[in-house]
N, C-alpha and C. Protein backbone atom coordinates (compact mmCIF):
# COMPACT_ATOMS: atom_id res chain seq x y z
N UNK A 1 -20.34 11.37 -110.92
CA UNK A 1 -18.97 11.31 -109.51
C UNK A 1 -18.41 10.11 -109.01
N UNK A 2 -17.61 10.42 -108.57
CA UNK A 2 -16.42 9.17 -108.45
C UNK A 2 -17.20 8.60 -107.14
N UNK A 3 -17.00 7.07 -107.19
CA UNK A 3 -17.58 6.48 -106.00
C UNK A 3 -17.08 6.80 -104.59
N UNK A 4 -15.74 7.44 -104.64
CA UNK A 4 -15.09 7.80 -103.58
C UNK A 4 -15.57 8.86 -102.56
N UNK A 5 -15.97 9.93 -103.25
CA UNK A 5 -16.82 10.94 -103.04
C UNK A 5 -18.22 10.78 -102.46
N UNK A 6 -18.64 9.25 -103.15
CA UNK A 6 -19.94 9.29 -102.41
C UNK A 6 -20.10 7.90 -101.99
N UNK A 7 -19.56 7.37 -100.82
CA UNK A 7 -19.55 5.85 -100.83
C UNK A 7 -20.76 5.81 -100.60
N UNK A 8 -21.08 3.89 -100.86
CA UNK A 8 -21.97 3.44 -101.06
C UNK A 8 -22.36 2.52 -99.75
N UNK A 9 -23.32 2.56 -98.77
CA UNK A 9 -23.44 1.36 -97.97
C UNK A 9 -23.82 -0.16 -99.01
N UNK A 10 -23.20 -1.57 -98.08
CA UNK A 10 -23.21 -2.84 -99.24
C UNK A 10 -23.95 -3.60 -97.91
N UNK A 11 -24.79 -4.39 -98.52
CA UNK A 11 -25.83 -5.31 -97.77
C UNK A 11 -25.07 -6.81 -98.01
N UNK A 12 -25.30 -7.41 -97.09
CA UNK A 12 -24.80 -8.81 -97.39
C UNK A 12 -25.76 -9.60 -96.79
N UNK A 13 -26.28 -10.77 -97.33
CA UNK A 13 -27.20 -11.73 -96.42
C UNK A 13 -27.32 -13.22 -96.67
N UNK A 14 -27.88 -14.02 -96.20
CA UNK A 14 -27.66 -15.14 -96.55
C UNK A 14 -28.38 -16.01 -97.69
N UNK A 15 -28.53 -17.24 -98.26
CA UNK A 15 -29.01 -17.35 -99.33
C UNK A 15 -30.60 -17.53 -99.08
N UNK A 16 -30.82 -17.35 -99.82
CA UNK A 16 -32.61 -17.31 -99.85
C UNK A 16 -33.35 -18.52 -99.38
N UNK A 17 -34.42 -18.07 -98.68
CA UNK A 17 -35.16 -19.45 -98.44
C UNK A 17 -35.29 -20.42 -99.52
N UNK A 18 -35.34 -21.61 -99.09
CA UNK A 18 -35.90 -22.74 -100.14
C UNK A 18 -37.06 -22.26 -100.73
N UNK A 19 -37.41 -22.68 -102.02
CA UNK A 19 -38.53 -22.53 -102.03
C UNK A 19 -39.80 -23.67 -101.71
N UNK A 20 -40.56 -23.36 -101.08
CA UNK A 20 -41.56 -24.32 -100.40
C UNK A 20 -42.80 -24.78 -101.26
N UNK A 21 -42.28 -26.46 -101.16
CA UNK A 21 -43.21 -27.43 -101.84
C UNK A 21 -44.06 -28.20 -100.87
N UNK A 22 -45.51 -27.98 -101.35
CA UNK A 22 -45.69 -27.71 -102.46
C UNK A 22 -46.01 -26.07 -101.92
N UNK A 23 -46.42 -25.30 -102.55
CA UNK A 23 -46.33 -23.76 -102.68
C UNK A 23 -47.56 -23.46 -101.75
N UNK A 24 -47.43 -22.27 -100.55
CA UNK A 24 -48.50 -22.76 -99.77
C UNK A 24 -49.62 -21.93 -100.24
N UNK A 25 -50.65 -21.76 -99.57
CA UNK A 25 -52.22 -21.67 -100.33
C UNK A 25 -52.32 -19.90 -100.30
N UNK A 26 -51.53 -19.42 -99.18
CA UNK A 26 -51.34 -18.14 -99.32
C UNK A 26 -50.19 -17.70 -98.26
N UNK A 27 -49.27 -16.11 -98.38
CA UNK A 27 -48.31 -16.26 -97.82
C UNK A 27 -47.01 -14.87 -98.36
N UNK A 28 -46.20 -14.90 -97.90
CA UNK A 28 -45.03 -13.63 -98.24
C UNK A 28 -44.17 -14.69 -99.19
N UNK A 29 -44.11 -14.12 -100.28
CA UNK A 29 -43.50 -14.18 -101.67
C UNK A 29 -41.99 -13.83 -101.24
N UNK A 30 -41.91 -12.41 -101.00
CA UNK A 30 -40.38 -11.79 -101.19
C UNK A 30 -40.66 -10.86 -100.21
N UNK A 31 -39.38 -10.29 -99.84
CA UNK A 31 -39.29 -8.95 -99.36
C UNK A 31 -38.38 -8.31 -99.91
N UNK A 32 -38.87 -7.07 -99.83
CA UNK A 32 -37.43 -5.75 -101.09
C UNK A 32 -37.54 -4.33 -100.12
N UNK A 33 -36.24 -4.32 -100.30
CA UNK A 33 -35.80 -3.22 -99.62
C UNK A 33 -36.35 -2.30 -100.61
N UNK A 34 -36.61 -1.40 -99.74
CA UNK A 34 -37.07 0.36 -100.79
C UNK A 34 -36.61 1.37 -100.03
N UNK A 35 -35.74 2.13 -101.15
CA UNK A 35 -35.53 3.60 -100.66
C UNK A 35 -36.57 4.29 -100.60
N UNK A 36 -36.57 5.04 -99.18
CA UNK A 36 -37.71 5.42 -98.77
C UNK A 36 -37.65 7.04 -98.81
N UNK A 37 -36.73 7.61 -99.44
CA UNK A 37 -36.41 9.02 -99.82
C UNK A 37 -36.99 9.12 -101.27
N UNK A 38 -36.98 8.10 -102.28
CA UNK A 38 -37.17 8.08 -103.37
C UNK A 38 -38.51 7.06 -103.75
N UNK A 39 -38.92 6.27 -102.70
CA UNK A 39 -40.03 5.51 -102.80
C UNK A 39 -40.02 4.86 -104.17
N UNK A 40 -38.48 4.11 -104.12
CA UNK A 40 -38.08 3.20 -105.50
C UNK A 40 -37.93 2.21 -104.54
N UNK A 41 -38.03 1.03 -105.49
CA UNK A 41 -37.43 -0.44 -105.04
C UNK A 41 -35.75 -0.63 -105.28
N UNK A 42 -34.89 -0.89 -104.18
CA UNK A 42 -33.12 -1.24 -104.53
C UNK A 42 -33.71 -2.61 -105.07
N UNK A 43 -33.47 -2.61 -106.83
CA UNK A 43 -33.39 -4.41 -107.09
C UNK A 43 -32.71 -5.52 -106.41
N UNK A 44 -33.40 -6.33 -106.19
CA UNK A 44 -32.82 -7.13 -105.70
C UNK A 44 -31.92 -7.34 -104.76
N UNK A 45 -31.71 -6.25 -103.85
CA UNK A 45 -31.04 -6.09 -102.57
C UNK A 45 -31.22 -7.18 -101.58
N UNK A 46 -32.51 -7.75 -101.68
CA UNK A 46 -32.56 -8.72 -100.68
C UNK A 46 -32.65 -10.03 -101.08
N UNK A 47 -31.91 -10.23 -102.17
CA UNK A 47 -31.96 -11.59 -102.95
C UNK A 47 -30.89 -12.23 -103.07
N UNK A 48 -30.10 -11.38 -101.89
CA UNK A 48 -28.81 -12.90 -101.40
C UNK A 48 -27.82 -12.50 -102.62
N UNK A 49 -27.55 -11.84 -103.14
CA UNK A 49 -26.29 -11.60 -104.20
C UNK A 49 -25.36 -11.61 -102.84
N UNK A 50 -24.04 -11.76 -102.87
CA UNK A 50 -22.92 -11.64 -102.13
C UNK A 50 -23.17 -10.10 -101.41
N UNK A 51 -22.90 -9.08 -102.13
CA UNK A 51 -22.87 -7.86 -101.69
C UNK A 51 -23.47 -7.41 -102.70
N UNK A 52 -24.66 -6.42 -102.28
CA UNK A 52 -25.48 -5.06 -103.25
C UNK A 52 -25.12 -3.93 -102.07
N UNK A 53 -24.53 -3.24 -103.36
CA UNK A 53 -24.58 -1.54 -103.01
C UNK A 53 -25.57 -0.69 -103.26
N UNK A 54 -26.00 -0.12 -102.38
CA UNK A 54 -27.16 0.64 -102.61
C UNK A 54 -26.90 2.41 -102.79
N UNK A 55 -27.91 3.25 -103.37
CA UNK A 55 -27.56 4.50 -103.92
C UNK A 55 -27.13 5.22 -102.61
N UNK A 56 -26.43 6.33 -102.91
CA UNK A 56 -25.69 7.35 -102.06
C UNK A 56 -27.02 7.85 -101.51
N UNK A 57 -28.18 8.31 -102.54
CA UNK A 57 -29.26 9.16 -101.53
C UNK A 57 -30.14 8.26 -100.86
N UNK A 58 -29.98 6.82 -100.75
CA UNK A 58 -30.40 5.86 -100.02
C UNK A 58 -30.17 6.34 -98.43
N UNK A 59 -30.86 7.12 -97.85
CA UNK A 59 -30.42 6.93 -96.45
C UNK A 59 -31.44 6.49 -95.53
N UNK A 60 -32.99 6.70 -95.97
CA UNK A 60 -33.95 5.84 -95.18
C UNK A 60 -34.13 4.92 -96.16
N UNK A 61 -34.73 3.91 -95.38
CA UNK A 61 -34.66 2.56 -95.74
C UNK A 61 -36.49 1.98 -95.58
N UNK A 62 -37.02 1.36 -96.15
CA UNK A 62 -38.39 0.25 -95.67
C UNK A 62 -38.10 -0.83 -96.17
N UNK A 63 -38.94 -1.78 -95.82
CA UNK A 63 -38.93 -2.99 -96.24
C UNK A 63 -40.78 -3.50 -96.74
N UNK A 64 -40.57 -3.91 -97.77
CA UNK A 64 -41.99 -4.19 -98.52
C UNK A 64 -42.28 -6.08 -98.22
N UNK A 65 -43.22 -6.37 -97.96
CA UNK A 65 -43.78 -7.91 -97.98
C UNK A 65 -44.31 -7.89 -99.30
N UNK A 66 -44.13 -8.75 -100.50
CA UNK A 66 -45.14 -9.17 -101.91
C UNK A 66 -45.63 -10.42 -101.29
N UNK A 67 -46.91 -10.55 -101.57
CA UNK A 67 -47.44 -11.83 -100.97
C UNK A 67 -47.85 -12.95 -102.39
N UNK A 68 -48.16 -14.04 -101.79
CA UNK A 68 -48.34 -14.76 -103.29
C UNK A 68 -49.64 -14.78 -103.73
N UNK A 69 -49.84 -14.63 -105.09
CA UNK A 69 -51.13 -14.70 -105.67
C UNK A 69 -51.99 -15.74 -105.37
N UNK A 70 -53.34 -15.59 -104.65
CA UNK A 70 -54.09 -16.98 -104.31
C UNK A 70 -55.60 -16.77 -104.13
N UNK A 71 -55.83 -17.70 -104.15
CA UNK A 71 -57.49 -17.72 -103.77
C UNK A 71 -58.10 -17.07 -102.56
N UNK A 72 -56.87 -17.26 -101.54
CA UNK A 72 -57.46 -16.29 -100.22
C UNK A 72 -57.19 -15.03 -100.82
N UNK A 73 -57.78 -14.25 -99.67
CA UNK A 73 -57.81 -12.55 -99.45
C UNK A 73 -57.15 -11.85 -98.09
N UNK A 74 -55.78 -11.44 -98.42
CA UNK A 74 -55.07 -11.30 -97.52
C UNK A 74 -55.42 -10.12 -96.77
N UNK A 75 -55.65 -9.93 -95.50
CA UNK A 75 -55.94 -8.71 -95.10
C UNK A 75 -54.91 -8.19 -93.97
N UNK A 76 -54.41 -8.92 -93.80
CA UNK A 76 -53.00 -8.09 -92.94
C UNK A 76 -51.56 -8.94 -93.21
N UNK A 77 -50.80 -7.76 -92.92
CA UNK A 77 -49.33 -8.45 -92.76
C UNK A 77 -48.39 -7.84 -91.57
N UNK A 78 -48.01 -9.14 -90.92
CA UNK A 78 -46.94 -8.52 -89.81
C UNK A 78 -45.76 -8.55 -90.12
N UNK A 79 -45.14 -7.47 -90.13
CA UNK A 79 -43.43 -7.43 -90.45
C UNK A 79 -42.78 -7.09 -89.06
N UNK A 80 -41.32 -7.88 -88.70
CA UNK A 80 -40.95 -7.39 -87.77
C UNK A 80 -38.85 -7.25 -88.17
N UNK A 81 -38.44 -5.96 -87.49
CA UNK A 81 -37.11 -5.94 -87.88
C UNK A 81 -36.74 -6.25 -86.63
N UNK A 82 -35.40 -6.84 -86.43
CA UNK A 82 -34.53 -6.56 -85.49
C UNK A 82 -33.32 -6.49 -85.80
N UNK A 83 -32.43 -5.93 -84.96
CA UNK A 83 -31.06 -5.19 -85.74
C UNK A 83 -30.08 -4.64 -84.25
N UNK A 84 -28.98 -4.07 -84.80
CA UNK A 84 -28.44 -4.10 -83.76
C UNK A 84 -28.87 -2.75 -82.58
N UNK A 85 -29.17 -1.71 -83.37
CA UNK A 85 -29.71 -0.21 -82.90
C UNK A 85 -30.97 -0.27 -83.42
N UNK A 86 -31.93 -0.74 -83.89
CA UNK A 86 -33.20 -0.79 -84.39
C UNK A 86 -34.32 -2.06 -84.27
N UNK A 87 -34.91 -1.83 -83.41
CA UNK A 87 -36.08 -3.24 -83.83
C UNK A 87 -37.42 -2.49 -83.50
N UNK A 88 -38.34 -3.27 -84.84
CA UNK A 88 -39.78 -2.51 -84.86
C UNK A 88 -40.78 -3.62 -85.50
N UNK A 89 -41.72 -3.32 -85.26
CA UNK A 89 -43.05 -4.47 -85.56
C UNK A 89 -43.65 -3.77 -85.82
N UNK A 90 -44.73 -4.09 -87.19
CA UNK A 90 -46.01 -3.21 -87.65
C UNK A 90 -46.65 -4.54 -88.23
N UNK A 91 -48.12 -4.35 -88.28
CA UNK A 91 -49.16 -5.03 -88.82
C UNK A 91 -49.70 -3.91 -89.63
N UNK A 92 -49.54 -4.14 -90.88
CA UNK A 92 -50.18 -3.08 -92.23
C UNK A 92 -51.57 -3.96 -92.50
N UNK A 93 -52.34 -3.60 -92.74
CA UNK A 93 -53.55 -3.74 -93.31
C UNK A 93 -54.16 -3.35 -94.52
N UNK A 94 -53.09 -2.81 -95.55
CA UNK A 94 -53.33 -2.06 -97.01
C UNK A 94 -52.15 -2.47 -97.49
N UNK A 95 -52.03 -3.13 -98.59
CA UNK A 95 -51.12 -3.37 -99.44
C UNK A 95 -50.59 -1.52 -99.84
N UNK A 96 -49.26 -1.19 -100.11
CA UNK A 96 -48.17 -2.18 -99.90
C UNK A 96 -48.06 -2.10 -98.58
N UNK A 97 -47.55 -3.61 -98.70
CA UNK A 97 -47.32 -3.91 -96.90
C UNK A 97 -46.05 -3.64 -96.38
N UNK A 98 -46.04 -2.59 -95.75
CA UNK A 98 -44.39 -1.77 -95.67
C UNK A 98 -44.14 -1.66 -94.24
N UNK A 99 -42.66 -2.00 -93.98
CA UNK A 99 -42.36 -2.05 -92.15
C UNK A 99 -42.51 -1.01 -91.37
N UNK A 100 -42.27 0.32 -92.14
CA UNK A 100 -42.19 1.30 -91.49
C UNK A 100 -43.77 2.36 -91.78
N UNK A 101 -44.31 1.79 -92.76
CA UNK A 101 -45.72 2.22 -93.24
C UNK A 101 -45.51 3.32 -94.25
N UNK A 102 -46.75 3.77 -94.97
CA UNK A 102 -46.56 4.48 -96.68
C UNK A 102 -48.16 5.00 -96.29
N UNK A 103 -48.15 6.26 -96.88
CA UNK A 103 -49.45 6.94 -97.34
C UNK A 103 -49.48 7.08 -98.74
N UNK A 104 -50.28 6.40 -99.46
CA UNK A 104 -50.49 5.86 -100.65
C UNK A 104 -49.12 5.83 -101.71
N UNK A 105 -48.34 5.06 -101.28
CA UNK A 105 -47.11 4.50 -101.69
C UNK A 105 -45.80 5.38 -101.19
N UNK A 106 -45.90 6.35 -100.61
CA UNK A 106 -45.24 7.12 -100.20
C UNK A 106 -44.70 6.67 -99.00
N UNK A 107 -43.08 5.91 -98.88
CA UNK A 107 -42.92 5.21 -97.67
C UNK A 107 -42.38 5.96 -96.69
N UNK A 108 -42.85 5.75 -95.54
CA UNK A 108 -41.76 6.27 -93.88
C UNK A 108 -40.79 5.29 -93.91
N UNK A 109 -39.37 5.86 -93.30
CA UNK A 109 -38.58 4.85 -93.73
C UNK A 109 -37.53 5.58 -92.17
N UNK A 110 -36.48 4.60 -92.27
CA UNK A 110 -35.54 4.43 -90.99
C UNK A 110 -34.24 3.99 -91.62
N UNK A 111 -33.27 4.75 -90.48
CA UNK A 111 -31.96 4.28 -91.07
C UNK A 111 -31.52 3.08 -90.14
N UNK A 112 -30.44 2.45 -91.02
CA UNK A 112 -29.77 1.21 -90.47
C UNK A 112 -28.60 1.19 -90.22
N UNK A 113 -28.36 0.84 -89.14
CA UNK A 113 -26.61 1.21 -88.53
C UNK A 113 -25.87 -0.10 -89.25
N UNK A 114 -24.56 -0.56 -89.29
CA UNK A 114 -23.99 -1.42 -89.42
C UNK A 114 -24.53 -2.45 -88.41
N UNK A 115 -24.35 -3.37 -89.07
CA UNK A 115 -24.84 -4.93 -88.00
C UNK A 115 -25.43 -6.08 -88.84
N UNK A 116 -25.68 -7.15 -88.08
CA UNK A 116 -26.66 -7.97 -88.42
C UNK A 116 -28.32 -7.64 -88.33
N UNK A 117 -29.07 -7.96 -89.08
CA UNK A 117 -30.91 -7.52 -89.20
C UNK A 117 -31.18 -8.92 -89.35
N UNK A 118 -32.48 -9.42 -88.80
CA UNK A 118 -33.06 -10.36 -89.01
C UNK A 118 -34.71 -9.57 -89.38
N UNK A 119 -35.31 -10.05 -90.22
CA UNK A 119 -36.46 -10.05 -90.46
C UNK A 119 -37.78 -10.75 -90.65
N UNK A 120 -38.62 -10.66 -90.04
CA UNK A 120 -39.67 -11.72 -90.66
C UNK A 120 -41.11 -10.96 -90.88
N UNK A 121 -41.74 -11.92 -91.75
CA UNK A 121 -43.34 -11.25 -92.00
C UNK A 121 -44.07 -12.48 -92.45
N UNK A 122 -44.89 -12.21 -92.10
CA UNK A 122 -46.24 -13.37 -91.80
C UNK A 122 -47.54 -12.40 -92.49
N UNK A 123 -48.54 -13.53 -93.32
CA UNK A 123 -49.75 -13.10 -93.36
C UNK A 123 -50.89 -13.67 -93.03
N UNK A 124 -51.94 -12.73 -92.57
CA UNK A 124 -52.89 -13.04 -92.10
C UNK A 124 -54.26 -12.94 -93.12
N UNK A 125 -55.27 -13.69 -92.68
CA UNK A 125 -56.67 -13.56 -93.41
C UNK A 125 -57.53 -12.51 -93.13
N UNK A 126 -57.41 -12.11 -91.50
CA UNK A 126 -58.13 -11.20 -91.13
C UNK A 126 -57.07 -9.81 -90.43
N UNK A 127 -57.95 -8.79 -90.63
CA UNK A 127 -56.96 -7.41 -90.36
C UNK A 127 -56.69 -7.64 -88.92
N UNK A 128 -55.52 -6.50 -88.66
CA UNK A 128 -54.66 -6.40 -87.27
C UNK A 128 -53.72 -8.06 -86.79
N UNK A 129 -53.11 -8.69 -87.98
CA UNK A 129 -52.84 -9.91 -87.44
C UNK A 129 -53.82 -11.01 -86.73
N UNK A 130 -54.77 -11.14 -87.60
CA UNK A 130 -55.85 -11.81 -86.78
C UNK A 130 -55.97 -12.89 -87.75
N UNK A 131 -56.84 -14.03 -87.32
CA UNK A 131 -57.22 -15.16 -88.28
C UNK A 131 -56.04 -16.02 -88.65
N UNK A 132 -56.46 -17.13 -89.27
CA UNK A 132 -55.33 -18.00 -89.94
C UNK A 132 -54.19 -16.93 -90.78
N UNK A 133 -53.08 -17.84 -89.62
CA UNK A 133 -51.87 -17.13 -90.48
C UNK A 133 -50.71 -18.04 -91.48
N UNK A 134 -50.23 -17.07 -92.16
CA UNK A 134 -49.43 -18.07 -93.26
C UNK A 134 -47.90 -18.73 -92.34
N UNK A 135 -47.45 -19.49 -92.99
CA UNK A 135 -45.91 -19.74 -92.19
C UNK A 135 -45.11 -18.15 -92.28
N UNK A 136 -44.01 -18.28 -91.58
CA UNK A 136 -43.07 -17.25 -91.03
C UNK A 136 -41.93 -17.13 -92.08
N UNK A 137 -41.65 -15.77 -93.23
CA UNK A 137 -40.86 -15.53 -93.84
C UNK A 137 -39.56 -14.80 -93.03
N UNK A 138 -38.61 -15.58 -93.15
CA UNK A 138 -37.44 -14.94 -92.42
C UNK A 138 -36.40 -14.48 -93.39
N UNK A 139 -35.89 -13.29 -93.16
CA UNK A 139 -34.64 -13.17 -94.02
C UNK A 139 -33.32 -12.82 -93.25
N UNK A 140 -32.09 -13.11 -93.24
CA UNK A 140 -30.93 -12.02 -92.16
C UNK A 140 -30.06 -11.74 -93.35
N UNK A 141 -29.83 -10.40 -92.70
CA UNK A 141 -28.81 -9.41 -94.16
C UNK A 141 -27.94 -8.81 -93.08
N UNK A 142 -27.16 -8.32 -93.66
CA UNK A 142 -26.12 -7.52 -92.56
C UNK A 142 -25.70 -6.32 -93.84
N UNK A 143 -25.50 -4.94 -92.91
CA UNK A 143 -25.12 -3.71 -93.43
C UNK A 143 -23.71 -3.66 -92.91
């Protein structure tokens, strides 16, 4: 089908965070945009390519935090989204660490209206966002 009959939403984001040196002992390594309708990752959508177009069936989104492999055991991740019409915060104690939650990898999602969004993620060594915390991973993107 032609692109005109199924317009795609485009995301634009700032350059990625610089690599931390030395690599932290634990924390967030990447944020991934997920199509919550199909439960599939939208490849490289938050890797800050100048413009990323998402599939037309991607009407509900979630964001998943990936963590560094480390000797430390991550017990929870706090994710926060601030945007023009939607703000959300969630602490997830079980992987996959998803902004709007999931049940066995079946993601819950939300729509994203046009505008600028900030996402932050932080890992913790205890459940419910307690104990030692990692550095905050921050990303800005525009829908």
